[in-house]
Amino acid sequence: MAGTDTSLPITLAPGPAIILCEPQLGENIGTAARAMANFGLWDMRLVRPRDGWPNEKAVAAASRADHVLERVRVFETLEEAIADLKIVYATTARSRDMQKEVLGPEEASINMAEHIDAGQGAGLLFGRERWGLLNEEVALADAIVTLPVEPAFASLNIAQAVLLMAYEWRRHGGPGKALPFGDGLDEAAPKQELVGLFEHLEGVLDQSGFFTTPDKKPSMVNNLRTALTRGRFTSQEIRTLRGVISSIDRRHERPNPNRQKPGKDNPAD
């Protein structure tokens, strides 16, 4: 989905830290950074990235999410990476044999927003590409966050998981809850104008003989009005439709120059 407005400044609003534990591929770090940038997150922390840092492949995959990559911090241990955070949630699609509260992404985002609004740090843990988080890493978290994935195919790419959680954060806790642009639709016309359209159309249909069965006319009129009401027409659209109806009405009244006059040479008459 394209549409980046490069004229707008990037704001670094408070948000949860994204902690990647021993990420293996630079491409996944880069795409995770891009996902963070999409939804206003910028605090990425790496714990022992396999290929070191900085990483050229991460830069290439980040698609100009430079403000995220420039602020990446690398830690030797997870304990160091989360030391300044008040709450930490571990993301996993697997059930763990431990007494941990399990949250959905919405509830987790709301909880993190409350802590961040109070000036406290929050973070989300993401595991390795092959086997996710270790139990000892999950044990350091305050709760588990999981997604309603298909149990038979639950594994997500790191960037996908980061994207989904960043989206939920933006919806429930981020500074940009409103959509970046509106639908661009003009106001619907007043009902008075819509009723005028109904009456105009029904009058022309009456004159043309459309309502062939008088006792069915009320239900036919109701059906027409119901269908037209769903259109949510603007005033300009109603004027256009009434112009179309008037044009058809005039054409119906105008003599057809190609029509043969009744007579013996025209057996159809």
C-alpha atoms as a PDB file:
ATOM      1  CA  MET A   1       0.000   0.000   0.000  1.00  0.00           C
ATOM      2  CA  ALA A   2       1.838   3.058  -1.255  1.00  0.00           C
ATOM      3  CA  GLY A   3       1.172   6.612  -0.170  1.00  0.00           C
ATOM      4  CA  THR A   4       4.016   7.975   1.967  1.00  0.00           C
ATOM      5  CA  ASP A   5       3.903  11.761   2.216  1.00  0.00           C
ATOM      6  CA  THR A   6       7.568  12.719   2.389  1.00  0.00           C
ATOM      7  CA  SER A   7       6.690  16.350   3.130  1.00  0.00           C
ATOM      8  CA  LEU A   8       5.481  15.447   6.618  1.00  0.00           C
ATOM      9  CA  PRO A   9       7.919  15.350   9.540  1.00  0.00           C
ATOM     10  CA  ILE A  10       8.438  12.094  11.428  1.00  0.00           C
ATOM     11  CA  THR A  11       7.491  12.386  15.084  1.00  0.00           C
ATOM     12  CA  LEU A  12       9.030  10.163  17.727  1.00  0.00           C
ATOM     13  CA  ALA A  13       6.076   9.836  20.070  1.00  0.00           C
ATOM     14  CA  PRO A  14       6.334   7.606  23.156  1.00  0.00           C
ATOM     15  CA  GLY A  15       5.633   3.981  22.368  1.00  0.00           C
ATOM     16  CA  PRO A  16       6.631   0.441  23.301  1.00  0.00           C
ATOM     17  CA  ALA A  17      10.120  -0.841  22.594  1.00  0.00           C
ATOM     18  CA  ILE A  18      10.381  -3.696  20.096  1.00  0.00           C
ATOM     19  CA  ILE A  19      12.941  -6.243  21.306  1.00  0.00           C
ATOM     20  CA  LEU A  20      14.156  -8.883  18.863  1.00  0.00           C
ATOM     21  CA  CYS A  21      15.916 -11.790  20.555  1.00  0.00           C
ATOM     22  CA  GLU A  22      18.799 -13.180  18.506  1.00  0.00           C
ATOM     23  CA  PRO A  23      17.396 -12.299  15.070  1.00  0.00           C
ATOM     24  CA  GLN A  24      19.134 -14.316  12.387  1.00  0.00           C
ATOM     25  CA  LEU A  25      18.517 -12.460   9.127  1.00  0.00           C
ATOM     26  CA  GLY A  26      19.247  -8.817   8.428  1.00  0.00           C
ATOM     27  CA  GLU A  27      16.285  -8.743   6.049  1.00  0.00           C
ATOM     28  CA  ASN A  28      13.919  -9.579   8.907  1.00  0.00           C
ATOM     29  CA  ILE A  29      15.363  -6.819  11.061  1.00  0.00           C
ATOM     30  CA  GLY A  30      14.886  -4.369   8.197  1.00  0.00           C
ATOM     31  CA  THR A  31      11.313  -5.365   7.442  1.00  0.00           C
ATOM     32  CA  ALA A  32      10.489  -5.280  11.151  1.00  0.00           C
ATOM     33  CA  ALA A  33      11.893  -1.736  11.271  1.00  0.00           C
ATOM     34  CA  ARG A  34       9.710  -0.807   8.320  1.00  0.00           C
ATOM     35  CA  ALA A  35       6.659  -2.236  10.077  1.00  0.00           C
ATOM     36  CA  MET A  36       7.487  -0.190  13.171  1.00  0.00           C
ATOM     37  CA  ALA A  37       7.852   2.983  11.116  1.00  0.00           C
ATOM     38  CA  ASN A  38       4.484   2.356   9.456  1.00  0.00           C
ATOM     39  CA  PHE A  39       2.763   2.720  12.808  1.00  0.00           C
ATOM     40  CA  GLY A  40       4.917   5.282  14.562  1.00  0.00           C
ATOM     41  CA  LEU A  41       7.262   3.059  16.579  1.00  0.00           C
ATOM     42  CA  TRP A  42      10.990   3.739  16.618  1.00  0.00           C
ATOM     43  CA  ASP A  43      12.639   2.053  19.650  1.00  0.00           C
ATOM     44  CA  MET A  44      14.155  -1.180  18.306  1.00  0.00           C
ATOM     45  CA  ARG A  45      16.436  -3.255  20.517  1.00  0.00           C
ATOM     46  CA  LEU A  46      18.426  -6.262  19.330  1.00  0.00           C
ATOM     47  CA  VAL A  47      19.744  -9.021  21.577  1.00  0.00           C
ATOM     48  CA  ARG A  48      22.795 -10.714  20.045  1.00  0.00           C
ATOM     49  CA  PRO A  49      21.876 -10.439  16.341  1.00  0.00           C
ATOM     50  CA  ARG A  50      23.520 -13.367  14.584  1.00  0.00           C
ATOM     51  CA  ASP A  51      25.154 -11.337  11.811  1.00  0.00           C
ATOM     52  CA  GLY A  52      26.087  -8.377  13.959  1.00  0.00           C
ATOM     53  CA  TRP A  53      25.106  -4.749  13.649  1.00  0.00           C
ATOM     54  CA  PRO A  54      24.948  -2.614  11.547  1.00  0.00           C
ATOM     55  CA  ASN A  55      23.700  -4.816   8.739  1.00  0.00           C
ATOM     56  CA  GLU A  56      23.511  -3.763   5.080  1.00  0.00           C
ATOM     57  CA  LYS A  57      20.728  -6.224   4.290  1.00  0.00           C
ATOM     58  CA  ALA A  58      18.626  -4.712   7.077  1.00  0.00           C
ATOM     59  CA  VAL A  59      19.114  -1.245   5.625  1.00  0.00           C
ATOM     60  CA  ALA A  60      18.057  -2.418   2.163  1.00  0.00           C
ATOM     61  CA  ALA A  61      14.940  -4.159   3.503  1.00  0.00           C
ATOM     62  CA  ALA A  62      13.866  -1.267   5.739  1.00  0.00           C
ATOM     63  CA  SER A  63      12.683   0.807   2.780  1.00  0.00           C
ATOM     64  CA  ARG A  64      13.961   4.110   4.194  1.00  0.00           C
ATOM     65  CA  ALA A  65      12.856   3.543   7.786  1.00  0.00           C
ATOM     66  CA  ASP A  66      16.171   5.198   8.613  1.00  0.00           C
ATOM     67  CA  HIS A  67      14.951   6.914  11.776  1.00  0.00           C
ATOM     68  CA  VAL A  68      14.350   3.438  13.266  1.00  0.00           C
ATOM     69  CA  LEU A  69      17.638   1.889  12.152  1.00  0.00           C
ATOM     70  CA  GLU A  70      19.663   4.884  13.318  1.00  0.00           C
ATOM     71  CA  ARG A  71      18.347   4.381  16.850  1.00  0.00           C
ATOM     72  CA  VAL A  72      18.803   0.602  17.076  1.00  0.00           C
ATOM     73  CA  ARG A  73      20.497  -0.492  20.294  1.00  0.00           C
ATOM     74  CA  VAL A  74      22.281  -3.838  20.630  1.00  0.00           C
ATOM     75  CA  PHE A  75      22.470  -5.762  23.922  1.00  0.00           C
ATOM     76  CA  GLU A  76      24.321  -8.842  24.992  1.00  0.00           C
ATOM     77  CA  THR A  77      21.529 -10.094  27.262  1.00  0.00           C
ATOM     78  CA  LEU A  78      17.757  -9.782  27.341  1.00  0.00           C
ATOM     79  CA  GLU A  79      17.980  -8.639  30.950  1.00  0.00           C
ATOM     80  CA  GLU A  80      19.989  -5.608  29.809  1.00  0.00           C
ATOM     81  CA  ALA A  81      17.605  -4.895  26.945  1.00  0.00           C
ATOM     82  CA  ILE A  82      14.542  -4.661  29.192  1.00  0.00           C
ATOM     83  CA  ALA A  83      16.193  -3.149  32.282  1.00  0.00           C
ATOM     84  CA  ASP A  84      14.506   0.274  31.937  1.00  0.00           C
ATOM     85  CA  LEU A  85      11.023  -1.061  31.133  1.00  0.00           C
ATOM     86  CA  LYS A  86       8.134  -1.271  33.579  1.00  0.00           C
ATOM     87  CA  ILE A  87       6.163  -3.966  31.751  1.00  0.00           C
ATOM     88  CA  VAL A  88       7.249  -6.456  29.115  1.00  0.00           C
ATOM     89  CA  TYR A  89       5.034  -8.767  27.066  1.00  0.00           C
ATOM     90  CA  ALA A  90       6.325 -11.861  25.272  1.00  0.00           C
ATOM     91  CA  THR A  91       4.749 -12.646  21.903  1.00  0.00           C
ATOM     92  CA  THR A  92       4.339 -16.328  21.138  1.00  0.00           C
ATOM     93  CA  ALA A  93       1.975 -18.619  19.256  1.00  0.00           C
ATOM     94  CA  ARG A  94       2.814 -21.643  21.435  1.00  0.00           C
ATOM     95  CA  SER A  95       1.331 -22.595  24.762  1.00  0.00           C
ATOM     96  CA  ARG A  96       3.919 -22.456  27.534  1.00  0.00           C
ATOM     97  CA  ASP A  97       4.000 -24.625  30.630  1.00  0.00           C
ATOM     98  CA  MET A  98       4.124 -21.702  33.016  1.00  0.00           C
ATOM     99  CA  GLN A  99       1.749 -19.557  35.035  1.00  0.00           C
ATOM    100  CA  LYS A 100       1.530 -16.520  32.775  1.00  0.00           C
ATOM    101  CA  GLU A 101      -1.442 -14.344  31.979  1.00  0.00           C
ATOM    102  CA  VAL A 102      -2.317 -14.581  28.277  1.00  0.00           C
ATOM    103  CA  LEU A 103      -3.523 -11.440  26.515  1.00  0.00           C
ATOM    104  CA  GLY A 104      -4.817 -10.633  23.073  1.00  0.00           C
ATOM    105  CA  PRO A 105      -3.155  -7.841  21.077  1.00  0.00           C
ATOM    106  CA  GLU A 106      -5.917  -5.332  21.833  1.00  0.00           C
ATOM    107  CA  GLU A 107      -5.806  -5.781  25.599  1.00  0.00           C
ATOM    108  CA  ALA A 108      -2.011  -5.750  25.580  1.00  0.00           C
ATOM    109  CA  SER A 109      -1.969  -2.485  23.617  1.00  0.00           C
ATOM    110  CA  ILE A 110      -4.420  -0.827  26.000  1.00  0.00           C
ATOM    111  CA  ASN A 111      -2.337  -1.917  28.999  1.00  0.00           C
ATOM    112  CA  MET A 112       0.871  -0.625  27.437  1.00  0.00           C
ATOM    113  CA  ALA A 113      -0.795   2.674  26.610  1.00  0.00           C
ATOM    114  CA  GLU A 114      -1.757   3.178  30.257  1.00  0.00           C
ATOM    115  CA  HIS A 115       1.828   2.600  31.386  1.00  0.00           C
ATOM    116  CA  ILE A 116       3.349   4.783  28.688  1.00  0.00           C
ATOM    117  CA  ASP A 117       0.865   7.600  29.374  1.00  0.00           C
ATOM    118  CA  ALA A 118       2.034   7.434  32.995  1.00  0.00           C
ATOM    119  CA  GLY A 119       5.642   7.880  31.879  1.00  0.00           C
ATOM    120  CA  GLN A 120       6.607   4.231  32.287  1.00  0.00           C
ATOM    121  CA  GLY A 121       8.389   2.124  29.682  1.00  0.00           C
ATOM    122  CA  ALA A 122       6.824  -0.881  27.964  1.00  0.00           C
ATOM    123  CA  GLY A 123       8.204  -3.461  25.577  1.00  0.00           C
ATOM    124  CA  LEU A 124       7.286  -6.374  23.321  1.00  0.00           C
ATOM    125  CA  LEU A 125       9.544  -9.415  22.965  1.00  0.00           C
ATOM    126  CA  PHE A 126       9.863 -11.262  19.661  1.00  0.00           C
ATOM    127  CA  GLY A 127      11.779 -14.496  19.213  1.00  0.00           C
ATOM    128  CA  ARG A 128      14.019 -16.118  16.646  1.00  0.00           C
ATOM    129  CA  GLU A 129      12.912 -16.977  13.146  1.00  0.00           C
ATOM    130  CA  ARG A 130      13.216 -20.734  13.695  1.00  0.00           C
ATOM    131  CA  TRP A 131      11.902 -21.386  17.185  1.00  0.00           C
ATOM    132  CA  GLY A 132      10.742 -18.125  18.712  1.00  0.00           C
ATOM    133  CA  LEU A 133      11.380 -17.244  22.340  1.00  0.00           C
ATOM    134  CA  LEU A 134      12.985 -19.556  24.856  1.00  0.00           C
ATOM    135  CA  ASN A 135      11.040 -20.387  28.024  1.00  0.00           C
ATOM    136  CA  GLU A 136      13.586 -18.544  30.156  1.00  0.00           C
ATOM    137  CA  GLU A 137      12.978 -15.424  28.034  1.00  0.00           C
ATOM    138  CA  VAL A 138       9.210 -15.743  28.360  1.00  0.00           C
ATOM    139  CA  ALA A 139       9.718 -16.138  32.111  1.00  0.00           C
ATOM    140  CA  LEU A 140      11.084 -12.574  32.245  1.00  0.00           C
ATOM    141  CA  ALA A 141       7.874 -11.172  30.759  1.00  0.00           C
ATOM    142  CA  ASP A 142       4.843  -9.961  32.688  1.00  0.00           C
ATOM    143  CA  ALA A 143       2.420 -11.709  30.373  1.00  0.00           C
ATOM    144  CA  ILE A 144       2.132 -13.528  27.069  1.00  0.00           C
ATOM    145  CA  VAL A 145       0.560 -11.922  24.005  1.00  0.00           C
ATOM    146  CA  THR A 146      -0.776 -14.195  21.319  1.00  0.00           C
ATOM    147  CA  LEU A 147      -2.793 -13.730  18.141  1.00  0.00           C
ATOM    148  CA  PRO A 148      -5.878 -15.627  16.952  1.00  0.00           C
ATOM    149  CA  VAL A 149      -3.858 -17.583  14.398  1.00  0.00           C
ATOM    150  CA  GLU A 150      -4.694 -20.952  12.871  1.00  0.00           C
ATOM    151  CA  PRO A 151      -3.264 -23.511  15.363  1.00  0.00           C
ATOM    152  CA  ALA A 152      -2.166 -25.839  12.574  1.00  0.00           C
ATOM    153  CA  PHE A 153      -0.164 -23.039  10.928  1.00  0.00           C
ATOM    154  CA  ALA A 154       0.610 -20.554  13.665  1.00  0.00           C
ATOM    155  CA  SER A 155       4.173 -19.453  12.890  1.00  0.00           C
ATOM    156  CA  LEU A 156       4.547 -15.833  11.792  1.00  0.00           C
ATOM    157  CA  ASN A 157       7.503 -14.108  10.221  1.00  0.00           C
ATOM    158  CA  ILE A 158       9.058 -11.647  12.692  1.00  0.00           C
ATOM    159  CA  ALA A 159       8.111  -8.635  10.574  1.00  0.00           C
ATOM    160  CA  GLN A 160       4.526  -9.898  10.273  1.00  0.00           C
ATOM    161  CA  ALA A 161       4.248 -10.265  14.032  1.00  0.00           C
ATOM    162  CA  VAL A 162       5.771  -6.823  14.618  1.00  0.00           C
ATOM    163  CA  LEU A 163       3.409  -5.312  12.053  1.00  0.00           C
ATOM    164  CA  LEU A 164       0.313  -6.780  13.691  1.00  0.00           C
ATOM    165  CA  MET A 165       1.299  -5.647  17.169  1.00  0.00           C
ATOM    166  CA  ALA A 166       2.362  -2.206  15.934  1.00  0.00           C
ATOM    167  CA  TYR A 167      -1.011  -1.847  14.218  1.00  0.00           C
ATOM    168  CA  GLU A 168      -2.881  -2.731  17.398  1.00  0.00           C
ATOM    169  CA  TRP A 169      -0.735  -0.289  19.354  1.00  0.00           C
ATOM    170  CA  ARG A 170      -1.539   2.476  16.873  1.00  0.00           C
ATOM    171  CA  ARG A 171      -5.255   1.735  17.154  1.00  0.00           C
ATOM    172  CA  HIS A 172      -5.434   1.705  20.934  1.00  0.00           C
ATOM    173  CA  GLY A 173      -2.506   3.634  22.298  1.00  0.00           C
ATOM    174  CA  GLY A 174      -0.666   5.501  19.580  1.00  0.00           C
ATOM    175  CA  PRO A 175      -0.929   9.190  18.752  1.00  0.00           C
ATOM    176  CA  GLY A 176      -2.452   8.599  15.335  1.00  0.00           C
ATOM    177  CA  LYS A 177      -5.658   6.717  16.055  1.00  0.00           C
ATOM    178  CA  ALA A 178      -7.494   8.711  13.385  1.00  0.00           C
ATOM    179  CA  LEU A 179      -7.122   7.595   9.779  1.00  0.00           C
ATOM    180  CA  PRO A 180      -4.579   9.651   7.802  1.00  0.00           C
ATOM    181  CA  PHE A 181      -7.231  10.884   5.378  1.00  0.00           C
ATOM    182  CA  GLY A 182     -11.008  10.918   5.125  1.00  0.00           C
ATOM    183  CA  ASP A 183     -13.235   9.258   2.563  1.00  0.00           C
ATOM    184  CA  GLY A 184     -13.574  12.462   0.524  1.00  0.00           C
ATOM    185  CA  LEU A 185     -17.341  12.054   0.246  1.00  0.00           C
ATOM    186  CA  ASP A 186     -19.549  15.133   0.129  1.00  0.00           C
ATOM    187  CA  GLU A 187     -22.486  15.434   2.470  1.00  0.00           C
ATOM    188  CA  ALA A 188     -25.606  13.491   1.587  1.00  0.00           C
ATOM    189  CA  ALA A 189     -28.422  15.607   0.180  1.00  0.00           C
ATOM    190  CA  PRO A 190     -31.252  16.702   2.500  1.00  0.00           C
ATOM    191  CA  LYS A 191     -34.209  14.337   2.549  1.00  0.00           C
ATOM    192  CA  GLN A 192     -36.338  17.012   0.907  1.00  0.00           C
ATOM    193  CA  GLU A 193     -34.213  16.779  -2.256  1.00  0.00           C
ATOM    194  CA  LEU A 194     -34.326  12.981  -2.174  1.00  0.00           C
ATOM    195  CA  VAL A 195     -38.120  13.019  -1.898  1.00  0.00           C
ATOM    196  CA  GLY A 196     -38.189  15.425  -4.861  1.00  0.00           C
ATOM    197  CA  LEU A 197     -36.222  12.865  -6.873  1.00  0.00           C
ATOM    198  CA  PHE A 198     -38.677  10.131  -5.872  1.00  0.00           C
ATOM    199  CA  GLU A 199     -41.691  12.180  -6.913  1.00  0.00           C
ATOM    200  CA  HIS A 200     -40.084  13.261 -10.182  1.00  0.00           C
ATOM    201  CA  LEU A 201     -39.204   9.683 -11.152  1.00  0.00           C
ATOM    202  CA  GLU A 202     -42.548   8.258 -10.079  1.00  0.00           C
ATOM    203  CA  GLY A 203     -44.410  10.955 -12.024  1.00  0.00           C
ATOM    204  CA  VAL A 204     -42.522  10.146 -15.226  1.00  0.00           C
ATOM    205  CA  LEU A 205     -43.045   6.406 -14.708  1.00  0.00           C
ATOM    206  CA  ASP A 206     -46.737   7.034 -14.241  1.00  0.00           C
ATOM    207  CA  GLN A 207     -46.934   8.940 -17.528  1.00  0.00           C
ATOM    208  CA  SER A 208     -44.986   6.279 -19.398  1.00  0.00           C
ATOM    209  CA  GLY A 209     -47.305   3.493 -18.208  1.00  0.00           C
ATOM    210  CA  PHE A 210     -44.670   1.721 -16.123  1.00  0.00           C
ATOM    211  CA  PHE A 211     -47.116   0.929 -13.335  1.00  0.00           C
ATOM    212  CA  THR A 212     -49.289  -1.467 -15.322  1.00  0.00           C
ATOM    213  CA  THR A 213     -50.948  -3.026 -12.279  1.00  0.00           C
ATOM    214  CA  PRO A 214     -52.435  -0.380  -9.952  1.00  0.00           C
ATOM    215  CA  ASP A 215     -52.564  -2.621  -6.884  1.00  0.00           C
ATOM    216  CA  LYS A 216     -48.826  -3.384  -7.203  1.00  0.00           C
ATOM    217  CA  LYS A 217     -47.813   0.247  -7.553  1.00  0.00           C
ATOM    218  CA  PRO A 218     -47.297   0.938  -3.797  1.00  0.00           C
ATOM    219  CA  SER A 219     -44.886  -1.962  -3.358  1.00  0.00           C
ATOM    220  CA  MET A 220     -43.016  -1.052  -6.553  1.00  0.00           C
ATOM    221  CA  VAL A 221     -42.670   2.537  -5.364  1.00  0.00           C
ATOM    222  CA  ASN A 222     -41.382   1.332  -1.983  1.00  0.00           C
ATOM    223  CA  ASN A 223     -38.813  -0.887  -3.697  1.00  0.00           C
ATOM    224  CA  LEU A 224     -37.608   1.986  -5.868  1.00  0.00           C
ATOM    225  CA  ARG A 225     -37.342   4.344  -2.899  1.00  0.00           C
ATOM    226  CA  THR A 226     -35.501   1.741  -0.836  1.00  0.00           C
ATOM    227  CA  ALA A 227     -32.970   1.158  -3.605  1.00  0.00           C
ATOM    228  CA  LEU A 228     -32.404   4.867  -4.209  1.00  0.00           C
ATOM    229  CA  THR A 229     -32.057   5.619  -0.492  1.00  0.00           C
ATOM    230  CA  ARG A 230     -29.062   3.278  -0.311  1.00  0.00           C
ATOM    231  CA  GLY A 231     -27.266   5.491  -2.818  1.00  0.00           C
ATOM    232  CA  ARG A 232     -26.572   8.265  -0.270  1.00  0.00           C
ATOM    233  CA  PHE A 233     -26.746  10.794  -3.113  1.00  0.00           C
ATOM    234  CA  THR A 234     -25.295  14.277  -2.823  1.00  0.00           C
ATOM    235  CA  SER A 235     -27.258  17.339  -3.959  1.00  0.00           C
ATOM    236  CA  GLN A 236     -25.229  17.463  -7.174  1.00  0.00           C
ATOM    237  CA  GLU A 237     -25.925  13.791  -7.895  1.00  0.00           C
ATOM    238  CA  ILE A 238     -29.644  14.316  -7.367  1.00  0.00           C
ATOM    239  CA  ARG A 239     -29.628  17.268  -9.773  1.00  0.00           C
ATOM    240  CA  THR A 240     -27.836  15.090 -12.322  1.00  0.00           C
ATOM    241  CA  LEU A 241     -30.311  12.232 -11.905  1.00  0.00           C
ATOM    242  CA  ARG A 242     -33.264  14.562 -12.253  1.00  0.00           C
ATOM    243  CA  GLY A 243     -31.678  15.944 -15.410  1.00  0.00           C
ATOM    244  CA  VAL A 244     -31.408  12.386 -16.760  1.00  0.00           C
ATOM    245  CA  ILE A 245     -35.051  11.694 -15.916  1.00  0.00           C
ATOM    246  CA  SER A 246     -36.164  14.936 -17.597  1.00  0.00           C
ATOM    247  CA  SER A 247     -34.140  14.092 -20.696  1.00  0.00           C
ATOM    248  CA  ILE A 248     -35.725  10.638 -20.943  1.00  0.00           C
ATOM    249  CA  ASP A 249     -39.160  12.171 -20.391  1.00  0.00           C
ATOM    250  CA  ARG A 250     -38.660  14.697 -23.204  1.00  0.00           C
ATOM    251  CA  ARG A 251     -37.357  11.987 -25.518  1.00  0.00           C
ATOM    252  CA  HIS A 252     -40.432   9.884 -24.761  1.00  0.00           C
ATOM    253  CA  GLU A 253     -42.671  12.797 -25.735  1.00  0.00           C
ATOM    254  CA  ARG A 254     -40.723  13.689 -28.934  1.00  0.00           C
ATOM    255  CA  PRO A 255     -42.065  12.115 -32.164  1.00  0.00           C
ATOM    256  CA  ASN A 256     -39.838   9.456 -33.685  1.00  0.00           C
ATOM    257  CA  PRO A 257     -38.967  10.554 -37.255  1.00  0.00           C
ATOM    258  CA  ASN A 258     -38.058   6.959 -38.198  1.00  0.00           C
ATOM    259  CA  ARG A 259     -41.387   5.554 -37.198  1.00  0.00           C
ATOM    260  CA  GLN A 260     -43.531   4.580 -40.235  1.00  0.00           C
ATOM    261  CA  LYS A 261     -47.000   5.964 -40.410  1.00  0.00           C
ATOM    262  CA  PRO A 262     -49.866   3.464 -40.147  1.00  0.00           C
ATOM    263  CA  GLY A 263     -51.077   2.206 -43.527  1.00  0.00           C
ATOM    264  CA  LYS A 264     -51.331  -0.693 -45.884  1.00  0.00           C
ATOM    265  CA  ASP A 265     -47.548  -0.737 -46.460  1.00  0.00           C
ATOM    266  CA  ASN A 266     -46.913  -1.179 -42.765  1.00  0.00           C
ATOM    267  CA  PRO A 267     -48.532  -4.485 -41.732  1.00  0.00           C
ATOM    268  CA  ALA A 268     -47.178  -4.166 -38.232  1.00  0.00           C
ATOM    269  CA  ASP A 269     -49.685  -1.429 -37.537  1.00  0.00           C
END
